C-alpha atoms as a PDB file:
ATOM      1  CA  MET A   1     234.976 -10.096  88.285  1.00  0.00           C
ATOM      2  CA  VAL A   2     236.513 -10.885  91.660  1.00  0.00           C
ATOM      3  CA  GLY A   3     239.952 -11.025  90.073  1.00  0.00           C
ATOM      4  CA  TYR A   4     239.368  -7.701  88.390  1.00  0.00           C
ATOM      5  CA  SER A   5     238.271  -6.079  91.664  1.00  0.00           C
ATOM      6  CA  ALA A   6     241.279  -7.455  93.495  1.00  0.00           C
ATOM      7  CA  GLY A   7     243.571  -6.240  90.744  1.00  0.00           C
ATOM      8  CA  ALA A   8     241.997  -2.787  90.815  1.00  0.00           C
ATOM      9  CA  ALA A   9     242.361  -2.595  94.588  1.00  0.00           C
ATOM     10  CA  ALA A  10     246.003  -3.649  94.362  1.00  0.00           C
ATOM     11  CA  ALA A  11     246.646  -1.060  91.671  1.00  0.00           C
ATOM     12  CA  GLY A  12     244.969   1.599  93.797  1.00  0.00           C
ATOM     13  CA  ALA A  13     247.067   0.652  96.796  1.00  0.00           C
ATOM     14  CA  LEU A  14     250.252   0.834  94.744  1.00  0.00           C
ATOM     15  CA  ALA A  15     249.244   4.176  93.325  1.00  0.00           C
ATOM     16  CA  GLY A  16     248.481   5.458  96.836  1.00  0.00           C
ATOM     17  CA  ALA A  17     251.799   4.184  98.133  1.00  0.00           C
ATOM     18  CA  GLY A  18     253.583   5.853  95.245  1.00  0.00           C
ATOM     19  CA  LEU A  19     251.798   9.121  95.923  1.00  0.00           C
ATOM     20  CA  LEU A  20     252.726   9.024  99.603  1.00  0.00           C
ATOM     21  CA  LEU A  21     256.331   8.195  98.759  1.00  0.00           C
ATOM     22  CA  GLY A  22     256.412  11.179  96.448  1.00  0.00           C
ATOM     23  CA  GLN A  23     254.978  13.390  99.189  1.00  0.00           C
ATOM     24  CA  VAL A  24     257.612  12.150 101.639  1.00  0.00           C
ATOM     25  CA  GLN A  25     260.377  12.979  99.166  1.00  0.00           C
ATOM     26  CA  LEU A  26     258.918  16.445  98.570  1.00  0.00           C
ATOM     27  CA  ALA A  27     258.671  17.117 102.306  1.00  0.00           C
ATOM     28  CA  ARG A  28     262.267  16.034 102.841  1.00  0.00           C
ATOM     29  CA  ARG A  29     263.347  18.314 100.025  1.00  0.00           C
ATOM     30  CA  ASP A  30     261.374  21.284 101.357  1.00  0.00           C
ATOM     31  CA  ILE A  31     262.418  20.884 105.000  1.00  0.00           C
ATOM     32  CA  PRO A  32     266.129  21.698 105.294  1.00  0.00           C
ATOM     33  CA  ARG A  33     268.449  19.717 107.520  1.00  0.00           C
ATOM     34  CA  ALA A  34     269.683  21.377 110.678  1.00  0.00           C
ATOM     35  CA  GLN A  35     272.909  23.240 110.079  1.00  0.00           C
ATOM     36  CA  ALA A  36     273.795  24.090 113.680  1.00  0.00           C
ATOM     37  CA  PRO A  37     272.673  23.169 117.192  1.00  0.00           C
ATOM     38  CA  PRO A  38     269.945  25.236 118.878  1.00  0.00           C
ATOM     39  CA  PRO A  39     270.964  28.162 121.104  1.00  0.00           C
ATOM     40  CA  ARG A  40     272.598  27.123 124.355  1.00  0.00           C
ATOM     41  CA  ALA A  41     269.933  27.933 126.954  1.00  0.00           C
ATOM     42  CA  THR A  42     271.508  26.183 129.945  1.00  0.00           C
ATOM     43  CA  GLY A  43     272.003  28.647 132.784  1.00  0.00           C
ATOM     44  CA  ARG A  44     270.368  30.343 135.775  1.00  0.00           C
ATOM     45  CA  TYR A  45     267.162  32.323 135.351  1.00  0.00           C
ATOM     46  CA  GLY A  46     265.588  34.681 137.843  1.00  0.00           C
ATOM     47  CA  PRO A  47     266.990  36.359 140.977  1.00  0.00           C
ATOM     48  CA  ARG A  48     270.750  36.198 141.426  1.00  0.00           C
ATOM     49  CA  ARG A  49     270.458  35.785 145.164  1.00  0.00           C
ATOM     50  CA  GLY A  50     267.960  34.484 147.647  1.00  0.00           C
ATOM     51  CA  ARG A  51     266.349  31.086 147.832  1.00  0.00           C
ATOM     52  CA  GLN A  52     267.895  27.813 146.695  1.00  0.00           C
ATOM     53  CA  PRO A  53     267.583  27.451 142.905  1.00  0.00           C
ATOM     54  CA  LEU A  54     265.130  24.954 141.494  1.00  0.00           C
ATOM     55  CA  ARG A  55     266.810  22.511 139.120  1.00  0.00           C
ATOM     56  CA  MET A  56     264.975  21.893 135.847  1.00  0.00           C
ATOM     57  CA  VAL A  57     265.826  19.849 132.754  1.00  0.00           C
ATOM     58  CA  MET A  58     264.442  19.990 129.217  1.00  0.00           C
ATOM     59  CA  LEU A  59     264.475  16.636 127.413  1.00  0.00           C
ATOM     60  CA  GLY A  60     263.386  15.528 123.959  1.00  0.00           C
ATOM     61  CA  ASP A  61     263.942  16.702 120.421  1.00  0.00           C
ATOM     62  CA  SER A  62     264.536  20.037 118.715  1.00  0.00           C
ATOM     63  CA  SER A  63     261.114  21.320 119.769  1.00  0.00           C
ATOM     64  CA  ALA A  64     262.317  21.006 123.369  1.00  0.00           C
ATOM     65  CA  ALA A  65     265.733  22.463 122.560  1.00  0.00           C
ATOM     66  CA  GLY A  66     264.335  25.447 120.664  1.00  0.00           C
ATOM     67  CA  TYR A  67     265.765  24.804 117.220  1.00  0.00           C
ATOM     68  CA  GLY A  68     264.868  27.604 114.820  1.00  0.00           C
ATOM     69  CA  VAL A  69     265.509  30.617 117.082  1.00  0.00           C
ATOM     70  CA  ARG A  70     268.712  32.591 117.447  1.00  0.00           C
ATOM     71  CA  LYS A  71     268.884  33.544 121.123  1.00  0.00           C
ATOM     72  CA  PRO A  72     268.826  31.367 124.269  1.00  0.00           C
ATOM     73  CA  ARG A  73     266.070  33.487 125.808  1.00  0.00           C
ATOM     74  CA  GLN A  74     263.747  32.553 122.922  1.00  0.00           C
ATOM     75  CA  THR A  75     263.877  28.808 123.598  1.00  0.00           C
ATOM     76  CA  PRO A  76     260.985  27.065 125.389  1.00  0.00           C
ATOM     77  CA  GLY A  77     263.270  26.033 128.251  1.00  0.00           C
ATOM     78  CA  ALA A  78     264.315  29.615 128.931  1.00  0.00           C
ATOM     79  CA  LEU A  79     260.732  30.815 128.734  1.00  0.00           C
ATOM     80  CA  LEU A  80     259.526  28.142 131.141  1.00  0.00           C
ATOM     81  CA  ALA A  81     262.426  28.730 133.537  1.00  0.00           C
ATOM     82  CA  THR A  82     261.639  32.442 133.583  1.00  0.00           C
ATOM     83  CA  GLY A  83     257.938  31.870 134.190  1.00  0.00           C
ATOM     84  CA  ILE A  84     258.573  29.362 136.983  1.00  0.00           C
ATOM     85  CA  SER A  85     261.145  31.635 138.593  1.00  0.00           C
ATOM     86  CA  ARG A  86     258.687  34.518 138.701  1.00  0.00           C
ATOM     87  CA  ARG A  87     255.893  32.418 140.188  1.00  0.00           C
ATOM     88  CA  LEU A  88     258.145  30.798 142.803  1.00  0.00           C
ATOM     89  CA  GLY A  89     260.221  33.860 143.582  1.00  0.00           C
ATOM     90  CA  ARG A  90     263.408  31.812 143.340  1.00  0.00           C
ATOM     91  CA  PRO A  91     266.075  31.154 140.709  1.00  0.00           C
ATOM     92  CA  VAL A  92     265.787  28.269 138.263  1.00  0.00           C
ATOM     93  CA  ASP A  93     268.856  26.384 137.080  1.00  0.00           C
ATOM     94  CA  LEU A  94     267.981  25.117 133.599  1.00  0.00           C
ATOM     95  CA  HIS A  95     269.824  22.299 131.864  1.00  0.00           C
ATOM     96  CA  THR A  96     268.764  21.684 128.276  1.00  0.00           C
ATOM     97  CA  LEU A  97     269.629  18.106 127.343  1.00  0.00           C
ATOM     98  CA  ALA A  98     267.267  17.819 124.373  1.00  0.00           C
ATOM     99  CA  VAL A  99     268.895  16.856 121.062  1.00  0.00           C
ATOM    100  CA  ALA A 100     267.861  17.977 117.588  1.00  0.00           C
ATOM    101  CA  GLY A 101     266.775  14.959 115.578  1.00  0.00           C
ATOM    102  CA  ALA A 102     266.055  12.783 118.624  1.00  0.00           C
ATOM    103  CA  THR A 103     263.396  10.094 118.584  1.00  0.00           C
ATOM    104  CA  SER A 104     261.880   8.554 121.702  1.00  0.00           C
ATOM    105  CA  ARG A 105     264.558   5.862 121.616  1.00  0.00           C
ATOM    106  CA  LEU A 106     267.155   8.503 122.497  1.00  0.00           C
ATOM    107  CA  LEU A 107     265.404   9.570 125.690  1.00  0.00           C
ATOM    108  CA  GLY A 108     267.373   6.978 127.690  1.00  0.00           C
ATOM    109  CA  PRO A 109     270.772   8.737 127.513  1.00  0.00           C
ATOM    110  CA  GLN A 110     269.113  12.088 128.193  1.00  0.00           C
ATOM    111  CA  VAL A 111     267.420  10.720 131.305  1.00  0.00           C
ATOM    112  CA  GLU A 112     270.706   9.262 132.543  1.00  0.00           C
ATOM    113  CA  ALA A 113     272.380  12.651 132.161  1.00  0.00           C
ATOM    114  CA  ALA A 114     269.416  14.368 133.816  1.00  0.00           C
ATOM    115  CA  LEU A 115     269.439  12.103 136.869  1.00  0.00           C
ATOM    116  CA  GLU A 116     273.059  13.052 137.548  1.00  0.00           C
ATOM    117  CA  LEU A 117     271.855  16.647 137.965  1.00  0.00           C
ATOM    118  CA  ALA A 118     269.181  15.669 140.549  1.00  0.00           C
ATOM    119  CA  PRO A 119     266.468  17.877 139.018  1.00  0.00           C
ATOM    120  CA  GLU A 120     263.158  18.694 140.661  1.00  0.00           C
ATOM    121  CA  LEU A 121     261.315  19.147 137.360  1.00  0.00           C
ATOM    122  CA  ALA A 122     261.710  17.541 133.940  1.00  0.00           C
ATOM    123  CA  VAL A 123     259.856  18.771 130.867  1.00  0.00           C
ATOM    124  CA  ILE A 124     259.818  16.425 127.878  1.00  0.00           C
ATOM    125  CA  VAL A 125     258.707  17.232 124.331  1.00  0.00           C
ATOM    126  CA  ILE A 126     259.116  14.288 121.956  1.00  0.00           C
ATOM    127  CA  GLY A 127     257.378  12.401 119.190  1.00  0.00           C
ATOM    128  CA  GLY A 128     257.643  14.441 116.020  1.00  0.00           C
ATOM    129  CA  ASN A 129     260.569  12.454 114.675  1.00  0.00           C
ATOM    130  CA  ASP A 130     258.865   9.176 115.541  1.00  0.00           C
ATOM    131  CA  VAL A 131     256.028  10.241 113.242  1.00  0.00           C
ATOM    132  CA  THR A 132     258.216  11.491 110.394  1.00  0.00           C
ATOM    133  CA  HIS A 133     260.359   8.346 110.552  1.00  0.00           C
ATOM    134  CA  ARG A 134     257.266   6.121 110.920  1.00  0.00           C
ATOM    135  CA  ASN A 135     258.784   4.447 113.965  1.00  0.00           C
ATOM    136  CA  SER A 136     256.802   1.856 115.866  1.00  0.00           C
ATOM    137  CA  GLN A 137     254.293   3.655 118.084  1.00  0.00           C
ATOM    138  CA  ARG A 138     254.484   0.847 120.628  1.00  0.00           C
ATOM    139  CA  ALA A 139     258.254   1.176 120.863  1.00  0.00           C
ATOM    140  CA  ALA A 140     258.087   4.985 121.043  1.00  0.00           C
ATOM    141  CA  VAL A 141     255.668   5.031 123.970  1.00  0.00           C
ATOM    142  CA  ARG A 142     257.620   2.286 125.731  1.00  0.00           C
ATOM    143  CA  HIS A 143     260.743   4.450 125.644  1.00  0.00           C
ATOM    144  CA  LEU A 144     258.744   7.415 126.942  1.00  0.00           C
ATOM    145  CA  SER A 145     257.203   5.300 129.698  1.00  0.00           C
ATOM    146  CA  ASP A 146     260.648   4.082 130.773  1.00  0.00           C
ATOM    147  CA  ALA A 147     261.910   7.672 130.868  1.00  0.00           C
ATOM    148  CA  VAL A 148     259.014   8.970 132.965  1.00  0.00           C
ATOM    149  CA  ARG A 149     259.179   6.035 135.382  1.00  0.00           C
ATOM    150  CA  ALA A 150     262.931   6.467 135.885  1.00  0.00           C
ATOM    151  CA  LEU A 151     262.511  10.169 136.622  1.00  0.00           C
ATOM    152  CA  ARG A 152     259.530   9.662 138.930  1.00  0.00           C
ATOM    153  CA  ALA A 153     261.402   6.927 140.826  1.00  0.00           C
ATOM    154  CA  ALA A 154     264.039   9.567 141.587  1.00  0.00           C
ATOM    155  CA  GLY A 155     261.408  11.986 142.878  1.00  0.00           C
ATOM    156  CA  VAL A 156     261.394  14.215 139.774  1.00  0.00           C
ATOM    157  CA  GLN A 157     258.124  15.831 138.707  1.00  0.00           C
ATOM    158  CA  VAL A 158     257.562  15.184 134.997  1.00  0.00           C
ATOM    159  CA  VAL A 159     255.549  17.161 132.446  1.00  0.00           C
ATOM    160  CA  VAL A 160     255.283  15.827 128.892  1.00  0.00           C
ATOM    161  CA  GLY A 161     254.257  17.995 125.971  1.00  0.00           C
ATOM    162  CA  THR A 162     252.728  15.351 123.717  1.00  0.00           C
ATOM    163  CA  CYS A 163     253.471  15.010 120.024  1.00  0.00           C
ATOM    164  CA  PRO A 164     252.550  18.134 118.038  1.00  0.00           C
ATOM    165  CA  ASP A 165     250.148  17.766 115.133  1.00  0.00           C
ATOM    166  CA  LEU A 166     252.414  17.527 112.085  1.00  0.00           C
ATOM    167  CA  GLY A 167     249.362  17.956 109.895  1.00  0.00           C
ATOM    168  CA  THR A 168     249.782  21.690 110.467  1.00  0.00           C
ATOM    169  CA  VAL A 169     253.289  21.832 108.963  1.00  0.00           C
ATOM    170  CA  LEU A 170     253.167  23.643 105.631  1.00  0.00           C
ATOM    171  CA  PRO A 171     255.961  21.793 103.751  1.00  0.00           C
ATOM    172  CA  ILE A 172     254.080  18.507 104.320  1.00  0.00           C
ATOM    173  CA  ARG A 173     251.449  18.416 101.584  1.00  0.00           C
ATOM    174  CA  PRO A 174     248.172  16.493 101.274  1.00  0.00           C
ATOM    175  CA  PRO A 175     247.499  13.603 101.444  1.00  0.00           C
ATOM    176  CA  LEU A 176     250.610  13.014 103.587  1.00  0.00           C
ATOM    177  CA  ARG A 177     249.644  15.990 105.737  1.00  0.00           C
ATOM    178  CA  TRP A 178     246.333  14.342 106.667  1.00  0.00           C
ATOM    179  CA  LEU A 179     248.028  11.069 107.540  1.00  0.00           C
ATOM    180  CA  ALA A 180     250.738  12.839 109.529  1.00  0.00           C
ATOM    181  CA  GLY A 181     248.021  14.604 111.512  1.00  0.00           C
ATOM    182  CA  ARG A 182     246.272  11.326 112.306  1.00  0.00           C
ATOM    183  CA  TRP A 183     249.527   9.592 113.250  1.00  0.00           C
ATOM    184  CA  SER A 184     250.456  12.534 115.479  1.00  0.00           C
ATOM    185  CA  ARG A 185     247.144  12.412 117.365  1.00  0.00           C
ATOM    186  CA  GLN A 186     247.376   8.642 117.817  1.00  0.00           C
ATOM    187  CA  LEU A 187     250.883   8.937 119.245  1.00  0.00           C
ATOM    188  CA  ALA A 188     249.850  11.849 121.480  1.00  0.00           C
ATOM    189  CA  ALA A 189     246.994   9.808 122.965  1.00  0.00           C
ATOM    190  CA  ALA A 190     249.288   6.834 123.606  1.00  0.00           C
ATOM    191  CA  GLN A 191     251.898   9.136 125.176  1.00  0.00           C
ATOM    192  CA  THR A 192     249.254  10.527 127.516  1.00  0.00           C
ATOM    193  CA  VAL A 193     248.241   7.071 128.727  1.00  0.00           C
ATOM    194  CA  VAL A 194     251.775   5.863 129.530  1.00  0.00           C
ATOM    195  CA  THR A 195     252.839   9.173 131.088  1.00  0.00           C
ATOM    196  CA  VAL A 196     249.906   9.403 133.481  1.00  0.00           C
ATOM    197  CA  GLU A 197     250.201   5.701 134.331  1.00  0.00           C
ATOM    198  CA  ALA A 198     253.837   6.386 135.232  1.00  0.00           C
ATOM    199  CA  GLY A 199     252.912   9.306 137.492  1.00  0.00           C
ATOM    200  CA  GLY A 200     253.545  12.239 135.159  1.00  0.00           C
ATOM    201  CA  TRP A 201     251.449  15.067 133.728  1.00  0.00           C
ATOM    202  CA  THR A 202     250.770  15.786 130.067  1.00  0.00           C
ATOM    203  CA  VAL A 203     249.828  18.820 128.011  1.00  0.00           C
ATOM    204  CA  SER A 204     248.427  18.289 124.539  1.00  0.00           C
ATOM    205  CA  LEU A 205     250.327  20.488 122.085  1.00  0.00           C
ATOM    206  CA  GLY A 206     248.426  19.097 119.101  1.00  0.00           C
ATOM    207  CA  ASP A 207     247.374  21.857 116.735  1.00  0.00           C
ATOM    208  CA  LEU A 208     247.706  24.458 119.490  1.00  0.00           C
ATOM    209  CA  LEU A 209     249.454  26.887 117.168  1.00  0.00           C
ATOM    210  CA  ALA A 210     247.636  25.970 113.961  1.00  0.00           C
ATOM    211  CA  PRO A 211     245.240  28.960 113.736  1.00  0.00           C
ATOM    212  CA  ARG A 212     248.053  31.475 114.204  1.00  0.00           C
ATOM    213  CA  PHE A 213     250.399  29.459 111.980  1.00  0.00           C
ATOM    214  CA  HIS A 214     247.886  29.579 109.135  1.00  0.00           C
ATOM    215  CA  ALA A 215     247.105  33.252 109.721  1.00  0.00           C
ATOM    216  CA  GLU A 216     250.706  34.404 110.205  1.00  0.00           C
ATOM    217  CA  PRO A 217     253.023  31.687 108.837  1.00  0.00           C
ATOM    218  CA  HIS A 218     255.943  34.081 108.305  1.00  0.00           C
ATOM    219  CA  ARG A 219     255.727  35.203 111.932  1.00  0.00           C
ATOM    220  CA  MET A 220     254.977  31.916 113.709  1.00  0.00           C
ATOM    221  CA  PHE A 221     257.352  29.654 111.744  1.00  0.00           C
ATOM    222  CA  SER A 222     261.123  29.906 111.732  1.00  0.00           C
ATOM    223  CA  ALA A 223     263.048  30.194 108.479  1.00  0.00           C
ATOM    224  CA  ASP A 224     262.750  26.458 107.691  1.00  0.00           C
ATOM    225  CA  ARG A 225     258.893  26.664 107.803  1.00  0.00           C
ATOM    226  CA  PHE A 226     258.955  23.542 109.988  1.00  0.00           C
ATOM    227  CA  HIS A 227     259.994  24.666 113.468  1.00  0.00           C
ATOM    228  CA  PRO A 228     258.281  27.435 115.438  1.00  0.00           C
ATOM    229  CA  SER A 229     259.642  30.954 115.601  1.00  0.00           C
ATOM    230  CA  ALA A 230     260.265  32.765 118.879  1.00  0.00           C
ATOM    231  CA  GLU A 231     256.570  33.705 118.995  1.00  0.00           C
ATOM    232  CA  GLY A 232     255.599  30.099 118.309  1.00  0.00           C
ATOM    233  CA  TYR A 233     257.746  28.765 121.146  1.00  0.00           C
ATOM    234  CA  ALA A 234     256.355  31.433 123.468  1.00  0.00           C
ATOM    235  CA  ALA A 235     252.822  30.211 122.763  1.00  0.00           C
ATOM    236  CA  ALA A 236     253.834  26.594 123.450  1.00  0.00           C
ATOM    237  CA  ALA A 237     255.633  27.573 126.669  1.00  0.00           C
ATOM    238  CA  ALA A 238     252.531  29.437 127.830  1.00  0.00           C
ATOM    239  CA  ALA A 239     250.549  26.201 127.476  1.00  0.00           C
ATOM    240  CA  LEU A 240     253.143  24.164 129.411  1.00  0.00           C
ATOM    241  CA  LEU A 241     253.798  26.666 132.219  1.00  0.00           C
ATOM    242  CA  PRO A 242     250.578  26.214 134.266  1.00  0.00           C
ATOM    243  CA  THR A 243     250.980  22.438 134.291  1.00  0.00           C
ATOM    244  CA  ALA A 244     254.642  22.679 135.273  1.00  0.00           C
ATOM    245  CA  LEU A 245     253.629  24.853 138.214  1.00  0.00           C
ATOM    246  CA  ALA A 246     250.819  22.471 139.175  1.00  0.00           C
ATOM    247  CA  ALA A 247     253.222  19.518 139.073  1.00  0.00           C
ATOM    248  CA  LEU A 248     255.454  21.437 141.503  1.00  0.00           C
ATOM    249  CA  GLY A 249     252.476  21.961 143.806  1.00  0.00           C
ATOM    250  CA  VAL A 250     252.184  25.684 143.096  1.00  0.00           C
ATOM    251  CA  VAL A 251     248.776  27.354 142.960  1.00  0.00           C
ATOM    252  CA  ASP A 252     249.166  30.371 140.692  1.00  0.00           C
ATOM    253  CA  PRO A 253     246.357  32.917 141.196  1.00  0.00           C
ATOM    254  CA  ARG A 254     247.076  34.314 137.734  1.00  0.00           C
ATOM    255  CA  THR A 255     246.166  30.991 136.135  1.00  0.00           C
ATOM    256  CA  ILE A 256     242.546  30.364 135.179  1.00  0.00           C
ATOM    257  CA  THR A 257     241.393  26.743 135.273  1.00  0.00           C
ATOM    258  CA  ARG A 258     238.330  25.844 133.247  1.00  0.00           C
ATOM    259  CA  ASP A 259     236.602  22.818 131.760  1.00  0.00           C
ATOM    260  CA  GLN A 260     237.773  20.460 134.501  1.00  0.00           C
ATOM    261  CA  GLN A 261     236.446  16.919 134.051  1.00  0.00           C
ATOM    262  CA  VAL A 262     237.252  13.386 135.184  1.00  0.00           C
ATOM    263  CA  ARG A 263     237.346  10.541 132.670  1.00  0.00           C
ATOM    264  CA  SER A 264     238.884   7.118 132.335  1.00  0.00           C
ATOM    265  CA  LEU A 265     242.481   7.564 131.229  1.00  0.00           C
ATOM    266  CA  PRO A 266     242.030   6.048 127.740  1.00  0.00           C
ATOM    267  CA  ARG A 267     239.067   8.335 127.067  1.00  0.00           C
ATOM    268  CA  ALA A 268     240.838  11.345 128.552  1.00  0.00           C
ATOM    269  CA  ALA A 269     243.854  10.689 126.323  1.00  0.00           C
ATOM    270  CA  VAL A 270     241.735  10.643 123.178  1.00  0.00           C
ATOM    271  CA  GLU A 271     239.872  13.804 124.164  1.00  0.00           C
ATOM    272  CA  ALA A 272     243.121  15.611 124.976  1.00  0.00           C
ATOM    273  CA  SER A 273     244.643  14.654 121.617  1.00  0.00           C
ATOM    274  CA  ARG A 274     241.711  16.393 119.923  1.00  0.00           C
ATOM    275  CA  HIS A 275     241.841  19.569 122.008  1.00  0.00           C
ATOM    276  CA  ALA A 276     245.182  21.322 122.170  1.00  0.00           C
ATOM    277  CA  GLY A 277     246.213  22.836 125.461  1.00  0.00           C
ATOM    278  CA  THR A 278     244.456  20.160 127.535  1.00  0.00           C
ATOM    279  CA  GLU A 279     246.227  18.976 130.684  1.00  0.00           C
ATOM    280  CA  VAL A 280     245.858  15.374 131.833  1.00  0.00           C
ATOM    281  CA  SER A 281     246.906  14.022 135.226  1.00  0.00           C
ATOM    282  CA  GLY A 282     245.960  11.175 137.516  1.00  0.00           C
ATOM    283  CA  ALA A 283     242.766  11.462 139.575  1.00  0.00           C
ATOM    284  CA  SER A 284     240.680   9.476 142.020  1.00  0.00           C
ATOM    285  CA  VAL A 285     236.941   8.901 142.344  1.00  0.00           C
ATOM    286  CA  ALA A 286     235.467   7.925 145.712  1.00  0.00           C
ATOM    287  CA  GLY A 287     238.991   7.320 146.968  1.00  0.00           C
ATOM    288  CA  ARG A 288     239.876   4.954 144.140  1.00  0.00           C
ATOM    289  CA  ASP A 289     242.460   5.522 141.411  1.00  0.00           C
ATOM    290  CA  ARG A 290     240.864   3.064 139.011  1.00  0.00           C
ATOM    291  CA  GLY A 291     237.392   2.379 137.706  1.00  0.00           C
ATOM    292  CA  PRO A 292     235.801  -0.164 135.371  1.00  0.00           C
ATOM    293  CA  ALA A 293     237.559   1.321 132.308  1.00  0.00           C
ATOM    294  CA  GLY A 294     240.979   1.770 133.897  1.00  0.00           C
ATOM    295  CA  ARG A 295     242.799   4.566 135.696  1.00  0.00           C
ATOM    296  CA  TRP A 296     240.920   7.776 136.398  1.00  0.00           C
ATOM    297  CA  ALA A 297     242.301  10.964 134.908  1.00  0.00           C
ATOM    298  CA  ALA A 298     241.508  14.667 135.214  1.00  0.00           C
ATOM    299  CA  LEU A 299     241.290  16.871 132.137  1.00  0.00           C
ATOM    300  CA  ARG A 300     241.816  20.597 132.604  1.00  0.00           C
ATOM    301  CA  THR A 301     242.344  23.642 130.476  1.00  0.00           C
ATOM    302  CA  ARG A 302     244.606  26.130 132.224  1.00  0.00           C
ATOM    303  CA  VAL A 303     245.258  29.638 130.951  1.00  0.00           C
ATOM    304  CA  ALA A 304     248.221  31.640 132.249  1.00  0.00           C
ATOM    305  CA  THR A 305     249.973  34.870 131.336  1.00  0.00           C
ATOM    306  CA  ALA A 306     252.457  34.266 128.548  1.00  0.00           C
ATOM    307  CA  ILE A 307     256.161  34.934 128.987  1.00  0.00           C
ATOM    308  CA  ARG A 308     257.701  37.141 126.328  1.00  0.00           C
ATOM    309  CA  PRO A 309     260.992  36.028 124.750  1.00  0.00           C
ATOM    310  CA  THR A 310     262.534  39.372 125.747  1.00  0.00           C
ATOM    311  CA  ASP A 311     261.844  38.573 129.409  1.00  0.00           C
ATOM    312  CA  ALA A 312     263.916  35.383 129.497  1.00  0.00           C
ATOM    313  CA  GLU A 313     267.613  36.018 129.933  1.00  0.00           C
ATOM    314  CA  PRO A 314     269.996  33.592 131.650  1.00  0.00           C
ATOM    315  CA  GLU A 315     272.316  34.990 134.284  1.00  0.00           C
ATOM    316  CA  ALA A 316     275.152  32.777 133.050  1.00  0.00           C
ATOM    317  CA  SER A 317     275.617  29.675 130.962  1.00  0.00           C
ATOM    318  CA  ALA A 318     276.647  26.489 132.698  1.00  0.00           C
ATOM    319  CA  SER A 319     279.487  24.353 131.424  1.00  0.00           C
ATOM    320  CA  SER A 320     277.240  21.385 130.656  1.00  0.00           C
ATOM    321  CA  GLY A 321     273.855  20.982 129.125  1.00  0.00           C
ATOM    322  CA  GLN A 322     273.424  21.292 125.403  1.00  0.00           C
ATOM    323  CA  ALA A 323     273.816  17.832 123.994  1.00  0.00           C
ATOM    324  CA  ALA A 324     273.439  18.634 120.319  1.00  0.00           C
ATOM    325  CA  THR A 325     276.903  19.320 118.946  1.00  0.00           C
ATOM    326  CA  GLU A 326     276.584  18.277 115.332  1.00  0.00           C
ATOM    327  CA  PRO A 327     274.102  18.869 112.498  1.00  0.00           C
ATOM    328  CA  LEU A 328     271.169  16.475 112.720  1.00  0.00           C
ATOM    329  CA  GLU A 329     267.854  16.088 110.982  1.00  0.00           C
ATOM    330  CA  PRO A 330     265.296  18.693 112.095  1.00  0.00           C
ATOM    331  CA  ARG A 331     263.117  18.043 115.151  1.00  0.00           C
END
């Protein structure tokens, strides 16, 4: 009887593995490979004259680069640069160094290139490819931690948009979709812990866009049904903008802050991974950064006015910036 049960369990495991393999193959078939780099968004945004421009870099994968849209002004970097420029009343020099197809392992070269530009703000969106490639979570967060620490050591403020919930992507079918969602949330929580420990800020992207994606998939997804459309990127940029401003020390009266709480960092990371749009940053309690369960962290939900893609237009493109020059796998 024991032998029969063990054999049945083994058969079930093999059948499950075969099913998942089939789902992976279907997803790869349904999600087309990138045919061209994202739009080149590097350039100056905001007033042509006046105060010294703020230097900003976008690092990560195709979600950071804006793969899936046609115009530079529709990319998340351009939208964020425009929003920051308006709030600060000064130009923003944006350099998009994100690469389509990048995993966390490829953050190192991007950070090296970024440090040569001496930026004041770095926004990182990474993790989707680590999930789809089933890379080691420990290795992925180590690479992210190294990137954030290197940037913070140079005095750069860092905001990380944690791994989106791939369980919302339509071409990924159940049961792989459910597993992808769980893997995404686990990675997002781990990313939050290492980023805040390294002195950065995080915003949980999670399933932020899921309700609108399900309601309006043809509007919120780009043509490949995997990457966001211009409207999708605008929604993500609206979630990142208030935290980017806060990291720069800017109090924006047009931003509403609600649901502010203090938790231990591990608990805050898990809660943020479950609630899209949640900001996590370091905090102190009674003058102490750490408590019995580890580092203290503040959870906040910030709501700001969205920036429309039509509002973001670079003054001129710089000669350097876009690192993706050849077709790569999406994200």
